[in-house]
Amino acid sequence: MWVAPRTPSLRLGIVAVIVLAAGGFLLRFTSVEIAVLVLVGTLLLAVETLNTSIEMLCDFVQPQQDPKIGKIKDVAAGATAVTEIGGGIVVAILLWPHIWAALQR
């Protein structure tokens, strides 16, 4: 993937997906729970990639500072933020029963 080495947030996202999946195995998540973690992570990576492509396209179309282009980039970044928040909620929902069970021991 051309964009991954050039985008720190994508590199971090790839590492996060791997860590979440490995953590799921270590914590003995069900295969469905692990699949959901991977799906959420992959969705986040896809949205981040789309955000990067929109930013690159905007920079190509209008290399000069332009408030309209800035708003477009803000909206694209907002989509990434919404996906991150939703992903965090899903991860918390999946982790909570396992954390609660560990605390009860």
PDB file of N, CA and C in Angstrom:
ATOM      1  N   MET A   1       0.846  -1.173   0.000  1.00  0.00           N
ATOM      2  CA  MET A   1       0.000   0.000   0.000  1.00  0.00           C
ATOM      3  C   MET A   1       0.893   1.238   0.000  1.00  0.00           C
ATOM      4  N   TRP A   2       0.803   2.041  -1.022  1.00  0.00           N
ATOM      5  CA  TRP A   2       1.661   3.212  -1.183  1.00  0.00           C
ATOM      6  C   TRP A   2       1.499   4.210  -0.051  1.00  0.00           C
ATOM      7  N   VAL A   3       0.306   4.397   0.426  1.00  0.00           N
ATOM      8  CA  VAL A   3       0.026   5.468   1.378  1.00  0.00           C
ATOM      9  C   VAL A   3       0.484   5.134   2.805  1.00  0.00           C
ATOM     10  N   ALA A   4       0.532   3.873   3.176  1.00  0.00           N
ATOM     11  CA  ALA A   4       0.848   3.501   4.561  1.00  0.00           C
ATOM     12  C   ALA A   4       2.209   4.010   5.041  1.00  0.00           C
ATOM     13  N   PRO A   5       3.277   3.847   4.263  1.00  0.00           N
ATOM     14  CA  PRO A   5       4.568   4.348   4.765  1.00  0.00           C
ATOM     15  C   PRO A   5       4.619   5.871   4.875  1.00  0.00           C
ATOM     16  N   ARG A   6       3.759   6.559   4.174  1.00  0.00           N
ATOM     17  CA  ARG A   6       3.786   8.024   4.136  1.00  0.00           C
ATOM     18  C   ARG A   6       2.814   8.679   5.118  1.00  0.00           C
ATOM     19  N   THR A   7       1.996   7.880   5.780  1.00  0.00           N
ATOM     20  CA  THR A   7       0.975   8.418   6.667  1.00  0.00           C
ATOM     21  C   THR A   7       1.129   7.808   8.059  1.00  0.00           C
ATOM     22  N   PRO A   8       1.630   8.599   9.018  1.00  0.00           N
ATOM     23  CA  PRO A   8       1.850   8.053  10.364  1.00  0.00           C
ATOM     24  C   PRO A   8       0.590   7.474  11.001  1.00  0.00           C
ATOM     25  N   SER A   9      -0.558   8.099  10.790  1.00  0.00           N
ATOM     26  CA  SER A   9      -1.782   7.597  11.419  1.00  0.00           C
ATOM     27  C   SER A   9      -2.171   6.228  10.864  1.00  0.00           C
ATOM     28  N   LEU A  10      -1.882   5.977   9.598  1.00  0.00           N
ATOM     29  CA  LEU A  10      -2.172   4.655   9.035  1.00  0.00           C
ATOM     30  C   LEU A  10      -1.224   3.603   9.604  1.00  0.00           C
ATOM     31  N   ARG A  11       0.045   3.956   9.741  1.00  0.00           N
ATOM     32  CA  ARG A  11       0.997   3.007  10.341  1.00  0.00           C
ATOM     33  C   ARG A  11       0.560   2.664  11.758  1.00  0.00           C
ATOM     34  N   LEU A  12       0.171   3.680  12.515  1.00  0.00           N
ATOM     35  CA  LEU A  12      -0.306   3.460  13.876  1.00  0.00           C
ATOM     36  C   LEU A  12      -1.568   2.595  13.871  1.00  0.00           C
ATOM     37  N   GLY A  13      -2.470   2.853  12.928  1.00  0.00           N
ATOM     38  CA  GLY A  13      -3.703   2.075  12.821  1.00  0.00           C
ATOM     39  C   GLY A  13      -3.443   0.613  12.515  1.00  0.00           C
ATOM     40  N   ILE A  14      -2.485   0.344  11.641  1.00  0.00           N
ATOM     41  CA  ILE A  14      -2.142  -1.041  11.302  1.00  0.00           C
ATOM     42  C   ILE A  14      -1.608  -1.753  12.538  1.00  0.00           C
ATOM     43  N   VAL A  15      -0.727  -1.070  13.273  1.00  0.00           N
ATOM     44  CA  VAL A  15      -0.188  -1.655  14.503  1.00  0.00           C
ATOM     45  C   VAL A  15      -1.323  -1.894  15.508  1.00  0.00           C
ATOM     46  N   ALA A  16      -2.243  -0.940  15.617  1.00  0.00           N
ATOM     47  CA  ALA A  16      -3.353  -1.073  16.561  1.00  0.00           C
ATOM     48  C   ALA A  16      -4.232  -2.283  16.220  1.00  0.00           C
ATOM     49  N   VAL A  17      -4.501  -2.494  14.945  1.00  0.00           N
ATOM     50  CA  VAL A  17      -5.321  -3.648  14.540  1.00  0.00           C
ATOM     51  C   VAL A  17      -4.611  -4.941  14.904  1.00  0.00           C
ATOM     52  N   ILE A  18      -3.320  -5.007  14.659  1.00  0.00           N
ATOM     53  CA  ILE A  18      -2.553  -6.215  14.989  1.00  0.00           C
ATOM     54  C   ILE A  18      -2.547  -6.444  16.499  1.00  0.00           C
ATOM     55  N   VAL A  19      -2.326  -5.370  17.269  1.00  0.00           N
ATOM     56  CA  VAL A  19      -2.313  -5.488  18.731  1.00  0.00           C
ATOM     57  C   VAL A  19      -3.686  -5.911  19.257  1.00  0.00           C
ATOM     58  N   LEU A  20      -4.742  -5.327  18.720  1.00  0.00           N
ATOM     59  CA  LEU A  20      -6.092  -5.698  19.167  1.00  0.00           C
ATOM     60  C   LEU A  20      -6.393  -7.164  18.876  1.00  0.00           C
ATOM     61  N   ALA A  21      -6.038  -7.614  17.673  1.00  0.00           N
ATOM     62  CA  ALA A  21      -6.293  -9.013  17.324  1.00  0.00           C
ATOM     63  C   ALA A  21      -5.468  -9.941  18.215  1.00  0.00           C
ATOM     64  N   ALA A  22      -4.193  -9.615  18.418  1.00  0.00           N
ATOM     65  CA  ALA A  22      -3.342 -10.436  19.282  1.00  0.00           C
ATOM     66  C   ALA A  22      -3.862 -10.420  20.718  1.00  0.00           C
ATOM     67  N   GLY A  23      -4.268  -9.242  21.185  1.00  0.00           N
ATOM     68  CA  GLY A  23      -4.840  -9.143  22.529  1.00  0.00           C
ATOM     69  C   GLY A  23      -6.100  -9.970  22.660  1.00  0.00           C
ATOM     70  N   GLY A  24      -6.897  -9.982  21.617  1.00  0.00           N
ATOM     71  CA  GLY A  24      -8.107 -10.799  21.625  1.00  0.00           C
ATOM     72  C   GLY A  24      -7.794 -12.278  21.776  1.00  0.00           C
ATOM     73  N   PHE A  25      -6.758 -12.735  21.065  1.00  0.00           N
ATOM     74  CA  PHE A  25      -6.348 -14.134  21.204  1.00  0.00           C
ATOM     75  C   PHE A  25      -5.857 -14.411  22.622  1.00  0.00           C
ATOM     76  N   LEU A  26      -5.011 -13.507  23.146  1.00  0.00           N
ATOM     77  CA  LEU A  26      -4.444 -13.703  24.484  1.00  0.00           C
ATOM     78  C   LEU A  26      -5.512 -13.686  25.571  1.00  0.00           C
ATOM     79  N   LEU A  27      -6.521 -12.836  25.405  1.00  0.00           N
ATOM     80  CA  LEU A  27      -7.597 -12.753  26.390  1.00  0.00           C
ATOM     81  C   LEU A  27      -8.708 -13.776  26.141  1.00  0.00           C
ATOM     82  N   ARG A  28      -8.476 -14.625  25.164  1.00  0.00           N
ATOM     83  CA  ARG A  28      -9.414 -15.700  24.818  1.00  0.00           C
ATOM     84  C   ARG A  28     -10.785 -15.184  24.401  1.00  0.00           C
ATOM     85  N   PHE A  29     -10.766 -14.133  23.574  1.00  0.00           N
ATOM     86  CA  PHE A  29     -12.008 -13.651  22.981  1.00  0.00           C
ATOM     87  C   PHE A  29     -12.546 -14.749  22.070  1.00  0.00           C
ATOM     88  N   THR A  30     -13.839 -14.710  21.821  1.00  0.00           N
ATOM     89  CA  THR A  30     -14.407 -15.623  20.841  1.00  0.00           C
ATOM     90  C   THR A  30     -13.934 -15.190  19.455  1.00  0.00           C
ATOM     91  N   SER A  31     -14.054 -16.077  18.510  1.00  0.00           N
ATOM     92  CA  SER A  31     -13.632 -15.727  17.146  1.00  0.00           C
ATOM     93  C   SER A  31     -14.494 -14.589  16.590  1.00  0.00           C
ATOM     94  N   VAL A  32     -15.739 -14.508  16.993  1.00  0.00           N
ATOM     95  CA  VAL A  32     -16.608 -13.411  16.547  1.00  0.00           C
ATOM     96  C   VAL A  32     -16.120 -12.079  17.123  1.00  0.00           C
ATOM     97  N   GLU A  33     -15.732 -12.085  18.399  1.00  0.00           N
ATOM     98  CA  GLU A  33     -15.216 -10.854  19.016  1.00  0.00           C
ATOM     99  C   GLU A  33     -13.932 -10.395  18.330  1.00  0.00           C
ATOM    100  N   ILE A  34     -13.051 -11.326  18.024  1.00  0.00           N
ATOM    101  CA  ILE A  34     -11.811 -10.984  17.322  1.00  0.00           C
ATOM    102  C   ILE A  34     -12.130 -10.459  15.939  1.00  0.00           C
ATOM    103  N   ALA A  35     -13.069 -11.096  15.265  1.00  0.00           N
ATOM    104  CA  ALA A  35     -13.461 -10.638  13.933  1.00  0.00           C
ATOM    105  C   ALA A  35     -14.018  -9.223  13.981  1.00  0.00           C
ATOM    106  N   VAL A  36     -14.818  -8.914  15.006  1.00  0.00           N
ATOM    107  CA  VAL A  36     -15.366  -7.559  15.153  1.00  0.00           C
ATOM    108  C   VAL A  36     -14.243  -6.560  15.371  1.00  0.00           C
ATOM    109  N   LEU A  37     -13.262  -6.908  16.209  1.00  0.00           N
ATOM    110  CA  LEU A  37     -12.112  -6.022  16.422  1.00  0.00           C
ATOM    111  C   LEU A  37     -11.366  -5.742  15.122  1.00  0.00           C
ATOM    112  N   VAL A  38     -11.126  -6.797  14.355  1.00  0.00           N
ATOM    113  CA  VAL A  38     -10.427  -6.637  13.078  1.00  0.00           C
ATOM    114  C   VAL A  38     -11.272  -5.826  12.103  1.00  0.00           C
ATOM    115  N   LEU A  39     -12.564  -6.079  12.074  1.00  0.00           N
ATOM    116  CA  LEU A  39     -13.460  -5.335  11.185  1.00  0.00           C
ATOM    117  C   LEU A  39     -13.476  -3.847  11.533  1.00  0.00           C
ATOM    118  N   VAL A  40     -13.582  -3.536  12.823  1.00  0.00           N
ATOM    119  CA  VAL A  40     -13.587  -2.132  13.256  1.00  0.00           C
ATOM    120  C   VAL A  40     -12.262  -1.464  12.882  1.00  0.00           C
ATOM    121  N   GLY A  41     -11.162  -2.164  13.132  1.00  0.00           N
ATOM    122  CA  GLY A  41      -9.850  -1.614  12.790  1.00  0.00           C
ATOM    123  C   GLY A  41      -9.691  -1.398  11.298  1.00  0.00           C
ATOM    124  N   THR A  42     -10.162  -2.351  10.517  1.00  0.00           N
ATOM    125  CA  THR A  42     -10.077  -2.235   9.067  1.00  0.00           C
ATOM    126  C   THR A  42     -10.942  -1.090   8.559  1.00  0.00           C
ATOM    127  N   LEU A  43     -12.118  -0.921   9.132  1.00  0.00           N
ATOM    128  CA  LEU A  43     -12.986   0.195   8.761  1.00  0.00           C
ATOM    129  C   LEU A  43     -12.295   1.520   9.046  1.00  0.00           C
ATOM    130  N   LEU A  44     -11.674   1.605  10.205  1.00  0.00           N
ATOM    131  CA  LEU A  44     -10.964   2.829  10.563  1.00  0.00           C
ATOM    132  C   LEU A  44      -9.821   3.106   9.580  1.00  0.00           C
ATOM    133  N   LEU A  45      -9.081   2.071   9.211  1.00  0.00           N
ATOM    134  CA  LEU A  45      -7.996   2.239   8.237  1.00  0.00           C
ATOM    135  C   LEU A  45      -8.537   2.683   6.877  1.00  0.00           C
ATOM    136  N   ALA A  46      -9.671   2.135   6.487  1.00  0.00           N
ATOM    137  CA  ALA A  46     -10.267   2.518   5.202  1.00  0.00           C
ATOM    138  C   ALA A  46     -10.695   3.982   5.212  1.00  0.00           C
ATOM    139  N   VAL A  47     -11.327   4.417   6.296  1.00  0.00           N
ATOM    140  CA  VAL A  47     -11.766   5.813   6.379  1.00  0.00           C
ATOM    141  C   VAL A  47     -10.557   6.745   6.428  1.00  0.00           C
ATOM    142  N   GLU A  48      -9.520   6.357   7.150  1.00  0.00           N
ATOM    143  CA  GLU A  48      -8.298   7.165   7.209  1.00  0.00           C
ATOM    144  C   GLU A  48      -7.653   7.270   5.829  1.00  0.00           C
ATOM    145  N   THR A  49      -7.673   6.181   5.075  1.00  0.00           N
ATOM    146  CA  THR A  49      -7.126   6.197   3.715  1.00  0.00           C
ATOM    147  C   THR A  49      -7.946   7.122   2.817  1.00  0.00           C
ATOM    148  N   LEU A  50      -9.264   7.061   2.936  1.00  0.00           N
ATOM    149  CA  LEU A  50     -10.113   7.973   2.162  1.00  0.00           C
ATOM    150  C   LEU A  50      -9.859   9.426   2.551  1.00  0.00           C
ATOM    151  N   ASN A  51      -9.687   9.689   3.842  1.00  0.00           N
ATOM    152  CA  ASN A  51      -9.378  11.038   4.315  1.00  0.00           C
ATOM    153  C   ASN A  51      -8.071  11.523   3.686  1.00  0.00           C
ATOM    154  N   THR A  52      -7.063  10.672   3.681  1.00  0.00           N
ATOM    155  CA  THR A  52      -5.775  11.042   3.088  1.00  0.00           C
ATOM    156  C   THR A  52      -5.919  11.320   1.598  1.00  0.00           C
ATOM    157  N   SER A  53      -6.708  10.499   0.910  1.00  0.00           N
ATOM    158  CA  SER A  53      -6.880  10.716  -0.526  1.00  0.00           C
ATOM    159  C   SER A  53      -7.617  12.023  -0.815  1.00  0.00           C
ATOM    160  N   ILE A  54      -8.597  12.351   0.018  1.00  0.00           N
ATOM    161  CA  ILE A  54      -9.317  13.627  -0.155  1.00  0.00           C
ATOM    162  C   ILE A  54      -8.366  14.791   0.074  1.00  0.00           C
ATOM    163  N   GLU A  55      -7.534  14.704   1.107  1.00  0.00           N
ATOM    164  CA  GLU A  55      -6.569  15.771   1.371  1.00  0.00           C
ATOM    165  C   GLU A  55      -5.574  15.921   0.227  1.00  0.00           C
ATOM    166  N   MET A  56      -5.092  14.791  -0.297  1.00  0.00           N
ATOM    167  CA  MET A  56      -4.142  14.849  -1.421  1.00  0.00           C
ATOM    168  C   MET A  56      -4.793  15.443  -2.662  1.00  0.00           C
ATOM    169  N   LEU A  57      -6.027  15.060  -2.930  1.00  0.00           N
ATOM    170  CA  LEU A  57      -6.746  15.599  -4.079  1.00  0.00           C
ATOM    171  C   LEU A  57      -6.959  17.101  -3.924  1.00  0.00           C
ATOM    172  N   CYS A  58      -7.354  17.520  -2.739  1.00  0.00           N
ATOM    173  CA  CYS A  58      -7.550  18.957  -2.480  1.00  0.00           C
ATOM    174  C   CYS A  58      -6.252  19.728  -2.695  1.00  0.00           C
ATOM    175  N   ASP A  59      -5.137  19.183  -2.214  1.00  0.00           N
ATOM    176  CA  ASP A  59      -3.846  19.848  -2.389  1.00  0.00           C
ATOM    177  C   ASP A  59      -3.446  19.915  -3.863  1.00  0.00           C
ATOM    178  N   PHE A  60      -3.824  18.897  -4.628  1.00  0.00           N
ATOM    179  CA  PHE A  60      -3.510  18.880  -6.054  1.00  0.00           C
ATOM    180  C   PHE A  60      -4.366  19.906  -6.811  1.00  0.00           C
ATOM    181  N   VAL A  61      -5.644  19.930  -6.510  1.00  0.00           N
ATOM    182  CA  VAL A  61      -6.577  20.821  -7.202  1.00  0.00           C
ATOM    183  C   VAL A  61      -6.320  22.279  -6.843  1.00  0.00           C
ATOM    184  N   GLN A  62      -6.039  22.533  -5.569  1.00  0.00           N
ATOM    185  CA  GLN A  62      -5.836  23.907  -5.109  1.00  0.00           C
ATOM    186  C   GLN A  62      -4.611  23.954  -4.186  1.00  0.00           C
ATOM    187  N   PRO A  63      -3.414  24.167  -4.782  1.00  0.00           N
ATOM    188  CA  PRO A  63      -2.201  24.187  -3.960  1.00  0.00           C
ATOM    189  C   PRO A  63      -2.132  25.395  -3.014  1.00  0.00           C
ATOM    190  N   GLN A  64      -2.840  26.452  -3.333  1.00  0.00           N
ATOM    191  CA  GLN A  64      -2.833  27.651  -2.479  1.00  0.00           C
ATOM    192  C   GLN A  64      -3.827  27.471  -1.334  1.00  0.00           C
ATOM    193  N   GLN A  65      -3.574  28.218  -0.250  1.00  0.00           N
ATOM    194  CA  GLN A  65      -4.492  28.202   0.896  1.00  0.00           C
ATOM    195  C   GLN A  65      -5.872  28.692   0.448  1.00  0.00           C
ATOM    196  N   ASP A  66      -6.908  27.917   0.745  1.00  0.00           N
ATOM    197  CA  ASP A  66      -8.267  28.283   0.352  1.00  0.00           C
ATOM    198  C   ASP A  66      -9.222  27.841   1.457  1.00  0.00           C
ATOM    199  N   PRO A  67     -10.038  28.759   1.991  1.00  0.00           N
ATOM    200  CA  PRO A  67     -10.959  28.394   3.079  1.00  0.00           C
ATOM    201  C   PRO A  67     -11.938  27.283   2.693  1.00  0.00           C
ATOM    202  N   LYS A  68     -12.362  27.242   1.444  1.00  0.00           N
ATOM    203  CA  LYS A  68     -13.293  26.191   1.019  1.00  0.00           C
ATOM    204  C   LYS A  68     -12.610  24.826   1.055  1.00  0.00           C
ATOM    205  N   ILE A  69     -11.366  24.764   0.607  1.00  0.00           N
ATOM    206  CA  ILE A  69     -10.607  23.512   0.654  1.00  0.00           C
ATOM    207  C   ILE A  69     -10.385  23.105   2.114  1.00  0.00           C
ATOM    208  N   GLY A  70     -10.124  24.089   2.969  1.00  0.00           N
ATOM    209  CA  GLY A  70      -9.946  23.806   4.389  1.00  0.00           C
ATOM    210  C   GLY A  70     -11.184  23.166   5.002  1.00  0.00           C
ATOM    211  N   LYS A  71     -12.362  23.655   4.614  1.00  0.00           N
ATOM    212  CA  LYS A  71     -13.610  23.070   5.126  1.00  0.00           C
ATOM    213  C   LYS A  71     -13.788  21.637   4.635  1.00  0.00           C
ATOM    214  N   ILE A  72     -13.434  21.402   3.364  1.00  0.00           N
ATOM    215  CA  ILE A  72     -13.538  20.049   2.812  1.00  0.00           C
ATOM    216  C   ILE A  72     -12.631  19.100   3.592  1.00  0.00           C
ATOM    217  N   LYS A  73     -11.418  19.534   3.861  1.00  0.00           N
ATOM    218  CA  LYS A  73     -10.482  18.709   4.628  1.00  0.00           C
ATOM    219  C   LYS A  73     -10.984  18.485   6.051  1.00  0.00           C
ATOM    220  N   ASP A  74     -11.601  19.496   6.635  1.00  0.00           N
ATOM    221  CA  ASP A  74     -12.148  19.359   7.989  1.00  0.00           C
ATOM    222  C   ASP A  74     -13.265  18.322   8.034  1.00  0.00           C
ATOM    223  N   VAL A  75     -14.117  18.334   7.017  1.00  0.00           N
ATOM    224  CA  VAL A  75     -15.218  17.365   6.962  1.00  0.00           C
ATOM    225  C   VAL A  75     -14.660  15.946   6.826  1.00  0.00           C
ATOM    226  N   ALA A  76     -13.654  15.780   5.968  1.00  0.00           N
ATOM    227  CA  ALA A  76     -13.042  14.459   5.799  1.00  0.00           C
ATOM    228  C   ALA A  76     -12.395  13.993   7.099  1.00  0.00           C
ATOM    229  N   ALA A  77     -11.710  14.899   7.783  1.00  0.00           N
ATOM    230  CA  ALA A  77     -11.101  14.551   9.067  1.00  0.00           C
ATOM    231  C   ALA A  77     -12.174  14.233  10.102  1.00  0.00           C
ATOM    232  N   GLY A  78     -13.302  14.918  10.027  1.00  0.00           N
ATOM    233  CA  GLY A  78     -14.416  14.648  10.936  1.00  0.00           C
ATOM    234  C   GLY A  78     -14.950  13.233  10.771  1.00  0.00           C
ATOM    235  N   ALA A  79     -15.000  12.757   9.532  1.00  0.00           N
ATOM    236  CA  ALA A  79     -15.451  11.387   9.289  1.00  0.00           C
ATOM    237  C   ALA A  79     -14.510  10.395   9.968  1.00  0.00           C
ATOM    238  N   THR A  80     -13.230  10.689   9.923  1.00  0.00           N
ATOM    239  CA  THR A  80     -12.250   9.835  10.589  1.00  0.00           C
ATOM    240  C   THR A  80     -12.473   9.862  12.101  1.00  0.00           C
ATOM    241  N   ALA A  81     -12.705  11.050  12.650  1.00  0.00           N
ATOM    242  CA  ALA A  81     -12.918  11.178  14.092  1.00  0.00           C
ATOM    243  C   ALA A  81     -14.167  10.414  14.537  1.00  0.00           C
ATOM    244  N   VAL A  82     -15.244  10.520  13.765  1.00  0.00           N
ATOM    245  CA  VAL A  82     -16.482   9.804  14.109  1.00  0.00           C
ATOM    246  C   VAL A  82     -16.237   8.295  14.093  1.00  0.00           C
ATOM    247  N   THR A  83     -15.484   7.825  13.112  1.00  0.00           N
ATOM    248  CA  THR A  83     -15.178   6.394  13.024  1.00  0.00           C
ATOM    249  C   THR A  83     -14.322   5.949  14.206  1.00  0.00           C
ATOM    250  N   GLU A  84     -13.362   6.799  14.604  1.00  0.00           N
ATOM    251  CA  GLU A  84     -12.517   6.471  15.755  1.00  0.00           C
ATOM    252  C   GLU A  84     -13.343   6.389  17.040  1.00  0.00           C
ATOM    253  N   ILE A  85     -14.260   7.306  17.214  1.00  0.00           N
ATOM    254  CA  ILE A  85     -15.113   7.292  18.412  1.00  0.00           C
ATOM    255  C   ILE A  85     -15.971   6.025  18.432  1.00  0.00           C
ATOM    256  N   GLY A  86     -16.587   5.723  17.308  1.00  0.00           N
ATOM    257  CA  GLY A  86     -17.401   4.502  17.226  1.00  0.00           C
ATOM    258  C   GLY A  86     -16.567   3.256  17.462  1.00  0.00           C
ATOM    259  N   GLY A  87     -15.370   3.225  16.902  1.00  0.00           N
ATOM    260  CA  GLY A  87     -14.480   2.086  17.120  1.00  0.00           C
ATOM    261  C   GLY A  87     -14.091   1.941  18.575  1.00  0.00           C
ATOM    262  N   GLY A  88     -13.829   3.067  19.217  1.00  0.00           N
ATOM    263  CA  GLY A  88     -13.498   3.034  20.646  1.00  0.00           C
ATOM    264  C   GLY A  88     -14.637   2.485  21.483  1.00  0.00           C
ATOM    265  N   ILE A  89     -15.842   2.858  21.122  1.00  0.00           N
ATOM    266  CA  ILE A  89     -17.018   2.355  21.846  1.00  0.00           C
ATOM    267  C   ILE A  89     -17.158   0.852  21.657  1.00  0.00           C
ATOM    268  N   VAL A  90     -16.970   0.390  20.432  1.00  0.00           N
ATOM    269  CA  VAL A  90     -17.070  -1.052  20.158  1.00  0.00           C
ATOM    270  C   VAL A  90     -16.006  -1.815  20.939  1.00  0.00           C
ATOM    271  N   VAL A  91     -14.766  -1.304  20.926  1.00  0.00           N
ATOM    272  CA  VAL A  91     -13.684  -1.962  21.667  1.00  0.00           C
ATOM    273  C   VAL A  91     -14.009  -1.997  23.160  1.00  0.00           C
ATOM    274  N   ALA A  92     -14.524  -0.895  23.691  1.00  0.00           N
ATOM    275  CA  ALA A  92     -14.884  -0.855  25.113  1.00  0.00           C
ATOM    276  C   ALA A  92     -15.977  -1.870  25.430  1.00  0.00           C
ATOM    277  N   ILE A  93     -16.969  -1.968  24.569  1.00  0.00           N
ATOM    278  CA  ILE A  93     -18.058  -2.936  24.778  1.00  0.00           C
ATOM    279  C   ILE A  93     -17.525  -4.363  24.756  1.00  0.00           C
ATOM    280  N   LEU A  94     -16.584  -4.632  23.859  1.00  0.00           N
ATOM    281  CA  LEU A  94     -16.015  -5.980  23.780  1.00  0.00           C
ATOM    282  C   LEU A  94     -15.093  -6.279  24.960  1.00  0.00           C
ATOM    283  N   LEU A  95     -14.354  -5.286  25.416  1.00  0.00           N
ATOM    284  CA  LEU A  95     -13.398  -5.501  26.507  1.00  0.00           C
ATOM    285  C   LEU A  95     -14.063  -5.586  27.878  1.00  0.00           C
ATOM    286  N   TRP A  96     -15.130  -4.817  28.078  1.00  0.00           N
ATOM    287  CA  TRP A  96     -15.712  -4.693  29.409  1.00  0.00           C
ATOM    288  C   TRP A  96     -16.039  -6.038  30.070  1.00  0.00           C
ATOM    289  N   PRO A  97     -16.731  -6.966  29.406  1.00  0.00           N
ATOM    290  CA  PRO A  97     -17.040  -8.239  30.088  1.00  0.00           C
ATOM    291  C   PRO A  97     -15.781  -8.996  30.507  1.00  0.00           C
ATOM    292  N   HIS A  98     -14.735  -8.923  29.715  1.00  0.00           N
ATOM    293  CA  HIS A  98     -13.496  -9.631  30.037  1.00  0.00           C
ATOM    294  C   HIS A  98     -12.782  -8.954  31.215  1.00  0.00           C
ATOM    295  N   ILE A  99     -12.791  -7.648  31.232  1.00  0.00           N
ATOM    296  CA  ILE A  99     -12.187  -6.911  32.352  1.00  0.00           C
ATOM    297  C   ILE A  99     -12.987  -7.162  33.620  1.00  0.00           C
ATOM    298  N   TRP A 100     -14.311  -7.111  33.517  1.00  0.00           N
ATOM    299  CA  TRP A 100     -15.180  -7.337  34.671  1.00  0.00           C
ATOM    300  C   TRP A 100     -14.962  -8.740  35.251  1.00  0.00           C
ATOM    301  N   ALA A 101     -14.873  -9.736  34.363  1.00  0.00           N
ATOM    302  CA  ALA A 101     -14.654 -11.114  34.811  1.00  0.00           C
ATOM    303  C   ALA A 101     -13.305 -11.242  35.512  1.00  0.00           C
ATOM    304  N   ALA A 102     -12.294 -10.558  35.006  1.00  0.00           N
ATOM    305  CA  ALA A 102     -10.960 -10.619  35.636  1.00  0.00           C
ATOM    306  C   ALA A 102     -10.989  -9.949  37.010  1.00  0.00           C
ATOM    307  N   LEU A 103     -11.759  -8.884  37.155  1.00  0.00           N
ATOM    308  CA  LEU A 103     -11.845  -8.187  38.434  1.00  0.00           C
ATOM    309  C   LEU A 103     -12.611  -8.999  39.474  1.00  0.00           C
ATOM    310  N   GLN A 104     -13.519  -9.863  39.035  1.00  0.00           N
ATOM    311  CA  GLN A 104     -14.327 -10.681  39.944  1.00  0.00           C
ATOM    312  C   GLN A 104     -13.550 -11.862  40.526  1.00  0.00           C
ATOM    313  N   ARG A 105     -12.410 -12.175  39.935  1.00  0.00           N
ATOM    314  CA  ARG A 105     -11.631 -13.345  40.403  1.00  0.00           C
ATOM    315  C   ARG A 105     -10.907 -13.047  41.669  1.00  0.00           C
TER     316      ARG A 105
END
